[in-house]
Amino acid sequence: MKFTSYEAEGIKPFVENSPLMSFVYQFLSVRSFSAFLGVTEIVIGLMIASRHFTPKTSAAGSLLATGMFLTTMTFMLSTPGIFEPSEGGFPAISITGQFLLKDLVLLGASILTCGEALINRKQYR
């Protein structure tokens, strides 16, 4: 989806409100950054999937994914409208916040796959 204008516009509020990432739109268009992010996600996924062939590459991919998901979790703090005002705000999470909350699970999965790759690296030599 990162290669579609729909998704590129969908992630725009997260990126432009982020103190960590808002600078990217000074160098890349909304579509270009979204496509770059899509390629990055595919490469990281392939790195993680390589565990049986190159566990160190898989661990590196998992660490990159961990960094990516830690970054997206910061959007919970910087993006307006994450907490549902009609329900009193925090801890009620809006649909936008729920979209980001999935990254908490993916963060845990990234840490898990990193550990598995490092623990089992001798097994695949």
PDB file of N, CA and C in Angstrom:
ATOM      1  N   MET A   1       0.810  -1.198   0.000  1.00  0.00           N
ATOM      2  CA  MET A   1       0.000   0.000   0.000  1.00  0.00           C
ATOM      3  C   MET A   1       0.857   1.267   0.000  1.00  0.00           C
ATOM      4  N   LYS A   2       2.091   1.171   0.470  1.00  0.00           N
ATOM      5  CA  LYS A   2       2.930   2.369   0.545  1.00  0.00           C
ATOM      6  C   LYS A   2       3.209   2.962  -0.840  1.00  0.00           C
ATOM      7  N   PHE A   3       2.910   2.212  -1.900  1.00  0.00           N
ATOM      8  CA  PHE A   3       3.165   2.686  -3.250  1.00  0.00           C
ATOM      9  C   PHE A   3       1.937   3.360  -3.867  1.00  0.00           C
ATOM     10  N   THR A   4       0.876   3.525  -3.076  1.00  0.00           N
ATOM     11  CA  THR A   4      -0.337   4.182  -3.570  1.00  0.00           C
ATOM     12  C   THR A   4      -0.443   5.590  -2.981  1.00  0.00           C
ATOM     13  N   SER A   5      -1.093   6.478  -3.718  1.00  0.00           N
ATOM     14  CA  SER A   5      -1.267   7.843  -3.208  1.00  0.00           C
ATOM     15  C   SER A   5      -2.170   7.847  -1.979  1.00  0.00           C
ATOM     16  N   TYR A   6      -3.115   6.908  -1.926  1.00  0.00           N
ATOM     17  CA  TYR A   6      -4.019   6.803  -0.770  1.00  0.00           C
ATOM     18  C   TYR A   6      -3.227   6.587   0.518  1.00  0.00           C
ATOM     19  N   GLU A   7      -2.319   5.642   0.489  1.00  0.00           N
ATOM     20  CA  GLU A   7      -1.514   5.335   1.680  1.00  0.00           C
ATOM     21  C   GLU A   7      -0.510   6.450   1.961  1.00  0.00           C
ATOM     22  N   ALA A   8       0.085   6.996   0.917  1.00  0.00           N
ATOM     23  CA  ALA A   8       1.045   8.088   1.099  1.00  0.00           C
ATOM     24  C   ALA A   8       0.388   9.259   1.821  1.00  0.00           C
ATOM     25  N   GLU A   9      -0.824   9.601   1.413  1.00  0.00           N
ATOM     26  CA  GLU A   9      -1.550  10.691   2.074  1.00  0.00           C
ATOM     27  C   GLU A   9      -1.993  10.273   3.481  1.00  0.00           C
ATOM     28  N   GLY A  10      -2.246   8.976   3.660  1.00  0.00           N
ATOM     29  CA  GLY A  10      -2.668   8.473   4.964  1.00  0.00           C
ATOM     30  C   GLY A  10      -1.587   8.575   6.027  1.00  0.00           C
ATOM     31  N   ILE A  11      -0.325   8.384   5.635  1.00  0.00           N
ATOM     32  CA  ILE A  11       0.758   8.458   6.614  1.00  0.00           C
ATOM     33  C   ILE A  11       1.295   9.879   6.771  1.00  0.00           C
ATOM     34  N   LYS A  12       0.906  10.763   5.877  1.00  0.00           N
ATOM     35  CA  LYS A  12       1.407  12.142   5.903  1.00  0.00           C
ATOM     36  C   LYS A  12       1.217  12.831   7.260  1.00  0.00           C
ATOM     37  N   PRO A  13       0.030  12.759   7.896  1.00  0.00           N
ATOM     38  CA  PRO A  13      -0.123  13.435   9.198  1.00  0.00           C
ATOM     39  C   PRO A  13       0.818  12.897  10.280  1.00  0.00           C
ATOM     40  N   PHE A  14       1.105  11.599  10.222  1.00  0.00           N
ATOM     41  CA  PHE A  14       2.013  11.024  11.209  1.00  0.00           C
ATOM     42  C   PHE A  14       3.419  11.589  11.027  1.00  0.00           C
ATOM     43  N   VAL A  15       3.871  11.598   9.783  1.00  0.00           N
ATOM     44  CA  VAL A  15       5.234  12.033   9.484  1.00  0.00           C
ATOM     45  C   VAL A  15       5.402  13.531   9.710  1.00  0.00           C
ATOM     46  N   GLU A  16       4.457  14.335   9.216  1.00  0.00           N
ATOM     47  CA  GLU A  16       4.639  15.783   9.326  1.00  0.00           C
ATOM     48  C   GLU A  16       4.486  16.307  10.755  1.00  0.00           C
ATOM     49  N   ASN A  17       3.858  15.544  11.639  1.00  0.00           N
ATOM     50  CA  ASN A  17       3.735  15.957  13.041  1.00  0.00           C
ATOM     51  C   ASN A  17       4.810  15.361  13.933  1.00  0.00           C
ATOM     52  N   SER A  18       5.659  14.526  13.369  1.00  0.00           N
ATOM     53  CA  SER A  18       6.687  13.853  14.154  1.00  0.00           C
ATOM     54  C   SER A  18       7.947  14.699  14.270  1.00  0.00           C
ATOM     55  N   PRO A  19       8.415  14.939  15.491  1.00  0.00           N
ATOM     56  CA  PRO A  19       9.682  15.657  15.635  1.00  0.00           C
ATOM     57  C   PRO A  19      10.871  14.855  15.093  1.00  0.00           C
ATOM     58  N   LEU A  20      10.715  13.534  14.981  1.00  0.00           N
ATOM     59  CA  LEU A  20      11.794  12.685  14.478  1.00  0.00           C
ATOM     60  C   LEU A  20      11.834  12.606  12.957  1.00  0.00           C
ATOM     61  N   MET A  21      10.680  12.822  12.308  1.00  0.00           N
ATOM     62  CA  MET A  21      10.620  12.551  10.870  1.00  0.00           C
ATOM     63  C   MET A  21      10.117  13.696  10.007  1.00  0.00           C
ATOM     64  N   SER A  22       9.637  14.763  10.581  1.00  0.00           N
ATOM     65  CA  SER A  22       9.019  15.820   9.786  1.00  0.00           C
ATOM     66  C   SER A  22       9.966  16.431   8.751  1.00  0.00           C
ATOM     67  N   PHE A  23      11.253  16.334   8.972  1.00  0.00           N
ATOM     68  CA  PHE A  23      12.224  16.904   8.047  1.00  0.00           C
ATOM     69  C   PHE A  23      12.238  16.217   6.682  1.00  0.00           C
ATOM     70  N   VAL A  24      11.757  14.960   6.592  1.00  0.00           N
ATOM     71  CA  VAL A  24      11.884  14.213   5.337  1.00  0.00           C
ATOM     72  C   VAL A  24      11.126  14.868   4.187  1.00  0.00           C
ATOM     73  N   TYR A  25      10.049  15.573   4.493  1.00  0.00           N
ATOM     74  CA  TYR A  25       9.279  16.212   3.424  1.00  0.00           C
ATOM     75  C   TYR A  25       9.984  17.444   2.861  1.00  0.00           C
ATOM     76  N   GLN A  26      11.081  17.848   3.475  1.00  0.00           N
ATOM     77  CA  GLN A  26      11.899  18.909   2.895  1.00  0.00           C
ATOM     78  C   GLN A  26      12.733  18.375   1.734  1.00  0.00           C
ATOM     79  N   PHE A  27      12.978  17.049   1.741  1.00  0.00           N
ATOM     80  CA  PHE A  27      13.836  16.430   0.737  1.00  0.00           C
ATOM     81  C   PHE A  27      13.078  15.541  -0.236  1.00  0.00           C
ATOM     82  N   LEU A  28      11.987  14.944   0.228  1.00  0.00           N
ATOM     83  CA  LEU A  28      11.223  14.009  -0.588  1.00  0.00           C
ATOM     84  C   LEU A  28       9.763  14.428  -0.638  1.00  0.00           C
ATOM     85  N   SER A  29       9.117  14.105  -1.736  1.00  0.00           N
ATOM     86  CA  SER A  29       7.676  14.346  -1.822  1.00  0.00           C
ATOM     87  C   SER A  29       6.963  13.313  -0.947  1.00  0.00           C
ATOM     88  N   VAL A  30       5.695  13.536  -0.714  1.00  0.00           N
ATOM     89  CA  VAL A  30       4.895  12.611   0.096  1.00  0.00           C
ATOM     90  C   VAL A  30       4.913  11.224  -0.538  1.00  0.00           C
ATOM     91  N   ARG A  31       4.708  11.148  -1.844  1.00  0.00           N
ATOM     92  CA  ARG A  31       4.704   9.857  -2.546  1.00  0.00           C
ATOM     93  C   ARG A  31       6.078   9.206  -2.537  1.00  0.00           C
ATOM     94  N   SER A  32       7.131   9.996  -2.745  1.00  0.00           N
ATOM     95  CA  SER A  32       8.485   9.428  -2.771  1.00  0.00           C
ATOM     96  C   SER A  32       8.868   8.845  -1.415  1.00  0.00           C
ATOM     97  N   PHE A  33       8.551   9.567  -0.355  1.00  0.00           N
ATOM     98  CA  PHE A  33       8.882   9.049   0.972  1.00  0.00           C
ATOM     99  C   PHE A  33       8.097   7.781   1.264  1.00  0.00           C
ATOM    100  N   SER A  34       6.827   7.761   0.895  1.00  0.00           N
ATOM    101  CA  SER A  34       6.007   6.577   1.124  1.00  0.00           C
ATOM    102  C   SER A  34       6.570   5.380   0.348  1.00  0.00           C
ATOM    103  N   ALA A  35       6.990   5.597  -0.889  1.00  0.00           N
ATOM    104  CA  ALA A  35       7.584   4.515  -1.686  1.00  0.00           C
ATOM    105  C   ALA A  35       8.900   4.052  -1.071  1.00  0.00           C
ATOM    106  N   PHE A  36       9.713   4.996  -0.608  1.00  0.00           N
ATOM    107  CA  PHE A  36      10.968   4.653   0.071  1.00  0.00           C
ATOM    108  C   PHE A  36      10.686   3.795   1.300  1.00  0.00           C
ATOM    109  N   LEU A  37       9.680   4.193   2.053  1.00  0.00           N
ATOM    110  CA  LEU A  37       9.287   3.434   3.239  1.00  0.00           C
ATOM    111  C   LEU A  37       8.816   2.033   2.855  1.00  0.00           C
ATOM    112  N   GLY A  38       8.051   1.934   1.778  1.00  0.00           N
ATOM    113  CA  GLY A  38       7.590   0.628   1.304  1.00  0.00           C
ATOM    114  C   GLY A  38       8.736  -0.286   0.925  1.00  0.00           C
ATOM    115  N   VAL A  39       9.709   0.241   0.189  1.00  0.00           N
ATOM    116  CA  VAL A  39      10.883  -0.560  -0.191  1.00  0.00           C
ATOM    117  C   VAL A  39      11.647  -0.976   1.064  1.00  0.00           C
ATOM    118  N   THR A  40      11.809  -0.060   1.995  1.00  0.00           N
ATOM    119  CA  THR A  40      12.505  -0.355   3.248  1.00  0.00           C
ATOM    120  C   THR A  40      11.811  -1.478   4.009  1.00  0.00           C
ATOM    121  N   GLU A  41      10.489  -1.421   4.089  1.00  0.00           N
ATOM    122  CA  GLU A  41       9.734  -2.458   4.792  1.00  0.00           C
ATOM    123  C   GLU A  41       9.888  -3.818   4.115  1.00  0.00           C
ATOM    124  N   ILE A  42       9.885  -3.841   2.789  1.00  0.00           N
ATOM    125  CA  ILE A  42      10.053  -5.104   2.062  1.00  0.00           C
ATOM    126  C   ILE A  42      11.451  -5.676   2.305  1.00  0.00           C
ATOM    127  N   VAL A  43      12.466  -4.820   2.228  1.00  0.00           N
ATOM    128  CA  VAL A  43      13.841  -5.287   2.453  1.00  0.00           C
ATOM    129  C   VAL A  43      13.996  -5.825   3.874  1.00  0.00           C
ATOM    130  N   ILE A  44      13.460  -5.115   4.851  1.00  0.00           N
ATOM    131  CA  ILE A  44      13.542  -5.579   6.242  1.00  0.00           C
ATOM    132  C   ILE A  44      12.815  -6.918   6.395  1.00  0.00           C
ATOM    133  N   GLY A  45      11.654  -7.054   5.783  1.00  0.00           N
ATOM    134  CA  GLY A  45      10.914  -8.319   5.844  1.00  0.00           C
ATOM    135  C   GLY A  45      11.702  -9.469   5.234  1.00  0.00           C
ATOM    136  N   LEU A  46      12.350  -9.225   4.106  1.00  0.00           N
ATOM    137  CA  LEU A  46      13.175 -10.265   3.478  1.00  0.00           C
ATOM    138  C   LEU A  46      14.378 -10.609   4.355  1.00  0.00           C
ATOM    139  N   MET A  47      14.945  -9.604   5.000  1.00  0.00           N
ATOM    140  CA  MET A  47      16.068  -9.870   5.908  1.00  0.00           C
ATOM    141  C   MET A  47      15.615 -10.766   7.057  1.00  0.00           C
ATOM    142  N   ILE A  48      14.465 -10.462   7.647  1.00  0.00           N
ATOM    143  CA  ILE A  48      13.961 -11.280   8.754  1.00  0.00           C
ATOM    144  C   ILE A  48      13.671 -12.704   8.276  1.00  0.00           C
ATOM    145  N   ALA A  49      13.117 -12.816   7.082  1.00  0.00           N
ATOM    146  CA  ALA A  49      12.757 -14.129   6.542  1.00  0.00           C
ATOM    147  C   ALA A  49      13.971 -14.982   6.196  1.00  0.00           C
ATOM    148  N   SER A  50      15.150 -14.399   6.165  1.00  0.00           N
ATOM    149  CA  SER A  50      16.353 -15.144   5.783  1.00  0.00           C
ATOM    150  C   SER A  50      16.976 -15.920   6.936  1.00  0.00           C
ATOM    151  N   ARG A  51      16.281 -16.064   8.025  1.00  0.00           N
ATOM    152  CA  ARG A  51      16.862 -16.649   9.243  1.00  0.00           C
ATOM    153  C   ARG A  51      17.503 -18.011   9.021  1.00  0.00           C
ATOM    154  N   HIS A  52      16.901 -18.876   8.221  1.00  0.00           N
ATOM    155  CA  HIS A  52      17.447 -20.224   8.033  1.00  0.00           C
ATOM    156  C   HIS A  52      18.713 -20.226   7.172  1.00  0.00           C
ATOM    157  N   PHE A  53      18.941 -19.154   6.432  1.00  0.00           N
ATOM    158  CA  PHE A  53      20.108 -19.068   5.562  1.00  0.00           C
ATOM    159  C   PHE A  53      21.208 -18.196   6.157  1.00  0.00           C
ATOM    160  N   THR A  54      20.803 -17.062   6.700  1.00  0.00           N
ATOM    161  CA  THR A  54      21.766 -16.128   7.287  1.00  0.00           C
ATOM    162  C   THR A  54      21.162 -15.509   8.549  1.00  0.00           C
ATOM    163  N   PRO A  55      21.300 -16.202   9.671  1.00  0.00           N
ATOM    164  CA  PRO A  55      20.707 -15.719  10.918  1.00  0.00           C
ATOM    165  C   PRO A  55      21.163 -14.317  11.321  1.00  0.00           C
ATOM    166  N   LYS A  56      22.413 -13.961  11.022  1.00  0.00           N
ATOM    167  CA  LYS A  56      22.883 -12.620  11.381  1.00  0.00           C
ATOM    168  C   LYS A  56      22.135 -11.550  10.585  1.00  0.00           C
ATOM    169  N   THR A  57      21.866 -11.825   9.325  1.00  0.00           N
ATOM    170  CA  THR A  57      21.092 -10.891   8.507  1.00  0.00           C
ATOM    171  C   THR A  57      19.677 -10.769   9.050  1.00  0.00           C
ATOM    172  N   SER A  58      19.116 -11.901   9.463  1.00  0.00           N
ATOM    173  CA  SER A  58      17.779 -11.901  10.041  1.00  0.00           C
ATOM    174  C   SER A  58      17.739 -11.085  11.330  1.00  0.00           C
ATOM    175  N   ALA A  59      18.746 -11.260  12.164  1.00  0.00           N
ATOM    176  CA  ALA A  59      18.816 -10.493  13.413  1.00  0.00           C
ATOM    177  C   ALA A  59      18.944  -9.000  13.113  1.00  0.00           C
ATOM    178  N   ALA A  60      19.758  -8.659  12.117  1.00  0.00           N
ATOM    179  CA  ALA A  60      19.908  -7.251  11.734  1.00  0.00           C
ATOM    180  C   ALA A  60      18.574  -6.687  11.229  1.00  0.00           C
ATOM    181  N   GLY A  61      17.857  -7.467  10.427  1.00  0.00           N
ATOM    182  CA  GLY A  61      16.542  -7.042   9.951  1.00  0.00           C
ATOM    183  C   GLY A  61      15.576  -6.835  11.101  1.00  0.00           C
ATOM    184  N   SER A  62      15.630  -7.727  12.074  1.00  0.00           N
ATOM    185  CA  SER A  62      14.768  -7.596  13.244  1.00  0.00           C
ATOM    186  C   SER A  62      15.105  -6.343  14.047  1.00  0.00           C
ATOM    187  N   LEU A  63      16.392  -6.041  14.158  1.00  0.00           N
ATOM    188  CA  LEU A  63      16.795  -4.814  14.864  1.00  0.00           C
ATOM    189  C   LEU A  63      16.330  -3.571  14.102  1.00  0.00           C
ATOM    190  N   LEU A  64      16.426  -3.616  12.774  1.00  0.00           N
ATOM    191  CA  LEU A  64      15.923  -2.496  11.972  1.00  0.00           C
ATOM    192  C   LEU A  64      14.409  -2.338  12.148  1.00  0.00           C
ATOM    193  N   ALA A  65      13.709  -3.461  12.159  1.00  0.00           N
ATOM    194  CA  ALA A  65      12.258  -3.415  12.365  1.00  0.00           C
ATOM    195  C   ALA A  65      11.933  -2.870  13.753  1.00  0.00           C
ATOM    196  N   THR A  66      12.711  -3.267  14.745  1.00  0.00           N
ATOM    197  CA  THR A  66      12.510  -2.751  16.099  1.00  0.00           C
ATOM    198  C   THR A  66      12.646  -1.228  16.110  1.00  0.00           C
ATOM    199  N   GLY A  67      13.664  -0.726  15.456  1.00  0.00           N
ATOM    200  CA  GLY A  67      13.840   0.720  15.365  1.00  0.00           C
ATOM    201  C   GLY A  67      12.691   1.392  14.634  1.00  0.00           C
ATOM    202  N   MET A  68      12.226   0.762  13.565  1.00  0.00           N
ATOM    203  CA  MET A  68      11.116   1.325  12.804  1.00  0.00           C
ATOM    204  C   MET A  68       9.847   1.385  13.653  1.00  0.00           C
ATOM    205  N   PHE A  69       9.559   0.317  14.383  1.00  0.00           N
ATOM    206  CA  PHE A  69       8.341   0.291  15.193  1.00  0.00           C
ATOM    207  C   PHE A  69       8.454   1.195  16.427  1.00  0.00           C
ATOM    208  N   LEU A  70       9.649   1.335  16.977  1.00  0.00           N
ATOM    209  CA  LEU A  70       9.828   2.308  18.067  1.00  0.00           C
ATOM    210  C   LEU A  70       9.555   3.724  17.559  1.00  0.00           C
ATOM    211  N   THR A  71      10.009   3.998  16.344  1.00  0.00           N
ATOM    212  CA  THR A  71       9.753   5.313  15.746  1.00  0.00           C
ATOM    213  C   THR A  71       8.267   5.536  15.532  1.00  0.00           C
ATOM    214  N   THR A  72       7.570   4.539  14.980  1.00  0.00           N
ATOM    215  CA  THR A  72       6.134   4.728  14.732  1.00  0.00           C
ATOM    216  C   THR A  72       5.352   4.814  16.035  1.00  0.00           C
ATOM    217  N   MET A  73       5.848   4.204  17.095  1.00  0.00           N
ATOM    218  CA  MET A  73       5.149   4.328  18.377  1.00  0.00           C
ATOM    219  C   MET A  73       5.225   5.755  18.916  1.00  0.00           C
ATOM    220  N   THR A  74       6.260   6.509  18.515  1.00  0.00           N
ATOM    221  CA  THR A  74       6.338   7.902  18.955  1.00  0.00           C
ATOM    222  C   THR A  74       5.231   8.742  18.326  1.00  0.00           C
ATOM    223  N   PHE A  75       4.657   8.268  17.223  1.00  0.00           N
ATOM    224  CA  PHE A  75       3.544   8.992  16.600  1.00  0.00           C
ATOM    225  C   PHE A  75       2.349   9.079  17.543  1.00  0.00           C
ATOM    226  N   MET A  76       2.253   8.139  18.475  1.00  0.00           N
ATOM    227  CA  MET A  76       1.162   8.169  19.462  1.00  0.00           C
ATOM    228  C   MET A  76       1.249   9.448  20.306  1.00  0.00           C
ATOM    229  N   LEU A  77       2.437   9.977  20.461  1.00  0.00           N
ATOM    230  CA  LEU A  77       2.637  11.179  21.274  1.00  0.00           C
ATOM    231  C   LEU A  77       2.590  12.466  20.451  1.00  0.00           C
ATOM    232  N   SER A  78       2.902  12.377  19.166  1.00  0.00           N
ATOM    233  CA  SER A  78       3.049  13.601  18.379  1.00  0.00           C
ATOM    234  C   SER A  78       1.912  13.883  17.398  1.00  0.00           C
ATOM    235  N   THR A  79       1.076  12.904  17.107  1.00  0.00           N
ATOM    236  CA  THR A  79       0.016  13.101  16.121  1.00  0.00           C
ATOM    237  C   THR A  79      -1.272  13.537  16.796  1.00  0.00           C
ATOM    238  N   PRO A  80      -1.849  14.649  16.349  1.00  0.00           N
ATOM    239  CA  PRO A  80      -3.134  15.082  16.916  1.00  0.00           C
ATOM    240  C   PRO A  80      -4.245  14.075  16.588  1.00  0.00           C
ATOM    241  N   GLY A  81      -5.191  13.933  17.495  1.00  0.00           N
ATOM    242  CA  GLY A  81      -6.344  13.075  17.256  1.00  0.00           C
ATOM    243  C   GLY A  81      -6.146  11.607  17.581  1.00  0.00           C
ATOM    244  N   ILE A  82      -5.070  11.273  18.266  1.00  0.00           N
ATOM    245  CA  ILE A  82      -4.815   9.867  18.624  1.00  0.00           C
ATOM    246  C   ILE A  82      -5.779   9.407  19.719  1.00  0.00           C
ATOM    247  N   PHE A  83      -6.056  10.284  20.650  1.00  0.00           N
ATOM    248  CA  PHE A  83      -6.961   9.924  21.735  1.00  0.00           C
ATOM    249  C   PHE A  83      -8.347  10.494  21.454  1.00  0.00           C
ATOM    250  N   GLU A  84      -9.369   9.731  21.748  1.00  0.00           N
ATOM    251  CA  GLU A  84     -10.752  10.063  21.400  1.00  0.00           C
ATOM    252  C   GLU A  84     -11.327  11.093  22.365  1.00  0.00           C
ATOM    253  N   PRO A  85     -11.519  12.342  21.896  1.00  0.00           N
ATOM    254  CA  PRO A  85     -12.008  13.401  22.786  1.00  0.00           C
ATOM    255  C   PRO A  85     -13.450  13.174  23.250  1.00  0.00           C
ATOM    256  N   SER A  86     -14.272  12.521  22.435  1.00  0.00           N
ATOM    257  CA  SER A  86     -15.670  12.306  22.825  1.00  0.00           C
ATOM    258  C   SER A  86     -15.798  11.326  23.993  1.00  0.00           C
ATOM    259  N   GLU A  87     -14.718  10.582  24.247  1.00  0.00           N
ATOM    260  CA  GLU A  87     -14.705   9.630  25.361  1.00  0.00           C
ATOM    261  C   GLU A  87     -13.815  10.111  26.496  1.00  0.00           C
ATOM    262  N   GLY A  88     -13.406  11.366  26.448  1.00  0.00           N
ATOM    263  CA  GLY A  88     -12.592  11.932  27.524  1.00  0.00           C
ATOM    264  C   GLY A  88     -11.101  11.883  27.283  1.00  0.00           C
ATOM    265  N   GLY A  89     -10.687  11.540  26.071  1.00  0.00           N
ATOM    266  CA  GLY A  89      -9.253  11.493  25.766  1.00  0.00           C
ATOM    267  C   GLY A  89      -8.609  10.215  26.291  1.00  0.00           C
ATOM    268  N   PHE A  90      -7.350  10.330  26.713  1.00  0.00           N
ATOM    269  CA  PHE A  90      -6.625   9.156  27.207  1.00  0.00           C
ATOM    270  C   PHE A  90      -7.391   8.494  28.325  1.00  0.00           C
ATOM    271  N   PRO A  91      -7.545   7.177  28.362  1.00  0.00           N
ATOM    272  CA  PRO A  91      -6.936   6.152  27.544  1.00  0.00           C
ATOM    273  C   PRO A  91      -7.771   5.738  26.325  1.00  0.00           C
ATOM    274  N   ALA A  92      -8.862   6.426  26.030  1.00  0.00           N
ATOM    275  CA  ALA A  92      -9.674   6.076  24.865  1.00  0.00           C
ATOM    276  C   ALA A  92      -8.911   6.426  23.592  1.00  0.00           C
ATOM    277  N   ILE A  93      -8.718   5.444  22.734  1.00  0.00           N
ATOM    278  CA  ILE A  93      -7.914   5.620  21.531  1.00  0.00           C
ATOM    279  C   ILE A  93      -8.823   5.699  20.310  1.00  0.00           C
ATOM    280  N   SER A  94      -8.561   6.685  19.460  1.00  0.00           N
ATOM    281  CA  SER A  94      -9.333   6.867  18.232  1.00  0.00           C
ATOM    282  C   SER A  94      -8.956   5.784  17.215  1.00  0.00           C
ATOM    283  N   ILE A  95      -9.668   5.767  16.095  1.00  0.00           N
ATOM    284  CA  ILE A  95      -9.347   4.828  15.017  1.00  0.00           C
ATOM    285  C   ILE A  95      -7.908   5.045  14.543  1.00  0.00           C
ATOM    286  N   THR A  96      -7.502   6.285  14.460  1.00  0.00           N
ATOM    287  CA  THR A  96      -6.121   6.603  14.062  1.00  0.00           C
ATOM    288  C   THR A  96      -5.132   6.004  15.053  1.00  0.00           C
ATOM    289  N   GLY A  97      -5.416   6.150  16.331  1.00  0.00           N
ATOM    290  CA  GLY A  97      -4.550   5.575  17.359  1.00  0.00           C
ATOM    291  C   GLY A  97      -4.547   4.061  17.325  1.00  0.00           C
ATOM    292  N   GLN A  98      -5.705   3.475  17.031  1.00  0.00           N
ATOM    293  CA  GLN A  98      -5.788   2.019  16.936  1.00  0.00           C
ATOM    294  C   GLN A  98      -4.943   1.502  15.775  1.00  0.00           C
ATOM    295  N   PHE A  99      -4.900   2.286  14.686  1.00  0.00           N
ATOM    296  CA  PHE A  99      -4.059   1.929  13.547  1.00  0.00           C
ATOM    297  C   PHE A  99      -2.597   1.841  13.983  1.00  0.00           C
ATOM    298  N   LEU A 100      -2.164   2.758  14.828  1.00  0.00           N
ATOM    299  CA  LEU A 100      -0.778   2.762  15.298  1.00  0.00           C
ATOM    300  C   LEU A 100      -0.512   1.701  16.360  1.00  0.00           C
ATOM    301  N   LEU A 101      -1.518   1.368  17.124  1.00  0.00           N
ATOM    302  CA  LEU A 101      -1.347   0.441  18.237  1.00  0.00           C
ATOM    303  C   LEU A 101      -0.884  -0.941  17.781  1.00  0.00           C
ATOM    304  N   LYS A 102      -1.223  -1.328  16.570  1.00  0.00           N
ATOM    305  CA  LYS A 102      -0.772  -2.616  16.033  1.00  0.00           C
ATOM    306  C   LYS A 102       0.749  -2.699  16.005  1.00  0.00           C
ATOM    307  N   ASP A 103       1.408  -1.538  15.887  1.00  0.00           N
ATOM    308  CA  ASP A 103       2.861  -1.534  15.838  1.00  0.00           C
ATOM    309  C   ASP A 103       3.489  -1.957  17.162  1.00  0.00           C
ATOM    310  N   LEU A 104       2.736  -1.875  18.247  1.00  0.00           N
ATOM    311  CA  LEU A 104       3.235  -2.366  19.531  1.00  0.00           C
ATOM    312  C   LEU A 104       3.418  -3.884  19.477  1.00  0.00           C
ATOM    313  N   VAL A 105       2.471  -4.573  18.875  1.00  0.00           N
ATOM    314  CA  VAL A 105       2.571  -6.026  18.704  1.00  0.00           C
ATOM    315  C   VAL A 105       3.719  -6.358  17.750  1.00  0.00           C
ATOM    316  N   LEU A 106       3.827  -5.595  16.661  1.00  0.00           N
ATOM    317  CA  LEU A 106       4.899  -5.837  15.698  1.00  0.00           C
ATOM    318  C   LEU A 106       6.269  -5.532  16.305  1.00  0.00           C
ATOM    319  N   LEU A 107       6.343  -4.592  17.218  1.00  0.00           N
ATOM    320  CA  LEU A 107       7.579  -4.317  17.944  1.00  0.00           C
ATOM    321  C   LEU A 107       7.983  -5.545  18.749  1.00  0.00           C
ATOM    322  N   GLY A 108       7.031  -6.116  19.464  1.00  0.00           N
ATOM    323  CA  GLY A 108       7.308  -7.335  20.222  1.00  0.00           C
ATOM    324  C   GLY A 108       7.744  -8.480  19.331  1.00  0.00           C
ATOM    325  N   ALA A 109       7.093  -8.628  18.176  1.00  0.00           N
ATOM    326  CA  ALA A 109       7.469  -9.685  17.231  1.00  0.00           C
ATOM    327  C   ALA A 109       8.883  -9.466  16.700  1.00  0.00           C
ATOM    328  N   SER A 110       9.253  -8.222  16.471  1.00  0.00           N
ATOM    329  CA  SER A 110      10.606  -7.919  15.980  1.00  0.00           C
ATOM    330  C   SER A 110      11.664  -8.295  17.011  1.00  0.00           C
ATOM    331  N   ILE A 111      11.391  -7.989  18.256  1.00  0.00           N
ATOM    332  CA  ILE A 111      12.319  -8.350  19.329  1.00  0.00           C
ATOM    333  C   ILE A 111      12.419  -9.872  19.441  1.00  0.00           C
ATOM    334  N   LEU A 112      11.285 -10.549  19.344  1.00  0.00           N
ATOM    335  CA  LEU A 112      11.265 -12.009  19.405  1.00  0.00           C
ATOM    336  C   LEU A 112      12.059 -12.630  18.257  1.00  0.00           C
ATOM    337  N   THR A 113      11.839 -12.158  17.029  1.00  0.00           N
ATOM    338  CA  THR A 113      12.551 -12.745  15.892  1.00  0.00           C
ATOM    339  C   THR A 113      14.051 -12.463  15.962  1.00  0.00           C
ATOM    340  N   CYS A 114      14.425 -11.331  16.530  1.00  0.00           N
ATOM    341  CA  CYS A 114      15.848 -11.042  16.710  1.00  0.00           C
ATOM    342  C   CYS A 114      16.465 -12.053  17.677  1.00  0.00           C
ATOM    343  N   GLY A 115      15.780 -12.260  18.793  1.00  0.00           N
ATOM    344  CA  GLY A 115      16.273 -13.228  19.769  1.00  0.00           C
ATOM    345  C   GLY A 115      16.375 -14.626  19.197  1.00  0.00           C
ATOM    346  N   GLU A 116      15.368 -15.038  18.444  1.00  0.00           N
ATOM    347  CA  GLU A 116      15.393 -16.376  17.833  1.00  0.00           C
ATOM    348  C   GLU A 116      16.546 -16.514  16.850  1.00  0.00           C
ATOM    349  N   ALA A 117      16.774 -15.494  16.056  1.00  0.00           N
ATOM    350  CA  ALA A 117      17.869 -15.551  15.085  1.00  0.00           C
ATOM    351  C   ALA A 117      19.216 -15.635  15.786  1.00  0.00           C
ATOM    352  N   LEU A 118      19.385 -14.877  16.848  1.00  0.00           N
ATOM    353  CA  LEU A 118      20.668 -14.888  17.559  1.00  0.00           C
ATOM    354  C   LEU A 118      20.891 -16.190  18.320  1.00  0.00           C
ATOM    355  N   ILE A 119      19.852 -16.711  18.944  1.00  0.00           N
ATOM    356  CA  ILE A 119      19.978 -17.955  19.705  1.00  0.00           C
ATOM    357  C   ILE A 119      20.259 -19.139  18.787  1.00  0.00           C
ATOM    358  N   ASN A 120      19.621 -19.167  17.641  1.00  0.00           N
ATOM    359  CA  ASN A 120      19.735 -20.325  16.738  1.00  0.00           C
ATOM    360  C   ASN A 120      20.774 -20.152  15.646  1.00  0.00           C
ATOM    361  N   ARG A 121      21.609 -19.125  15.710  1.00  0.00           N
ATOM    362  CA  ARG A 121      22.541 -18.882  14.610  1.00  0.00           C
ATOM    363  C   ARG A 121      23.543 -20.012  14.430  1.00  0.00           C
ATOM    364  N   LYS A 122      23.929 -20.676  15.490  1.00  0.00           N
ATOM    365  CA  LYS A 122      24.889 -21.786  15.380  1.00  0.00           C
ATOM    366  C   LYS A 122      24.253 -23.008  14.729  1.00  0.00           C
ATOM    367  N   GLN A 123      22.975 -23.161  14.883  1.00  0.00           N
ATOM    368  CA  GLN A 123      22.258 -24.313  14.348  1.00  0.00           C
ATOM    369  C   GLN A 123      22.286 -24.330  12.825  1.00  0.00           C
ATOM    370  N   TYR A 124      22.375 -23.165  12.185  1.00  0.00           N
ATOM    371  CA  TYR A 124      22.281 -23.090  10.730  1.00  0.00           C
ATOM    372  C   TYR A 124      23.631 -22.945  10.042  1.00  0.00           C
ATOM    373  N   ARG A 125      24.708 -23.189  10.745  1.00  0.00           N
ATOM    374  CA  ARG A 125      26.036 -23.060  10.131  1.00  0.00           C
ATOM    375  C   ARG A 125      26.415 -24.309   9.406  1.00  0.00           C
TER     376      ARG A 125
END
